[in-house]
Amino acid sequence: MSEQKMGTQYAREICEIFNEIAEKTEVPAIKDSLMALSSDLESIHKKLYFKTQKGTEDMQKMVADMEALKDKLLVCKDAGEAETMCAPICGTLEKVIKHVKTMKVRMT
């Protein structure tokens, strides 16, 4: 029986990829940005819960996108180019993190 991954497991994978890139990149701005995002995501990953399959699929796509982007970022020496490559994924994650941090829990 195969184990199906949940959105929170994909969030952990994203953190691992970010940490790996940050450790190996030569672009300080990207290193700082990815470390900050990884730290934020790690602190809230247990709160992430995706009610729909779409939420999990979005995280799955983000992991695949980061895996594809990882090699390009590791060889990139230009800060502007690296930031342009990271902008879409980082922007999406920043929105998710902000939403989770400001989310109100309602008891019913």
Foldseek 3Di string as FASTA:
>chain_A
DDDDDFLLVLLLLLLVLLCVLLVQAPQPVSVVLSPVLSVLSVVCSVVDHDPDVVSSVVSVVLSVLSVVCSVVRNPDPDNVVNCVSCVVSSVVSVVVSVCSVPPDDDDD
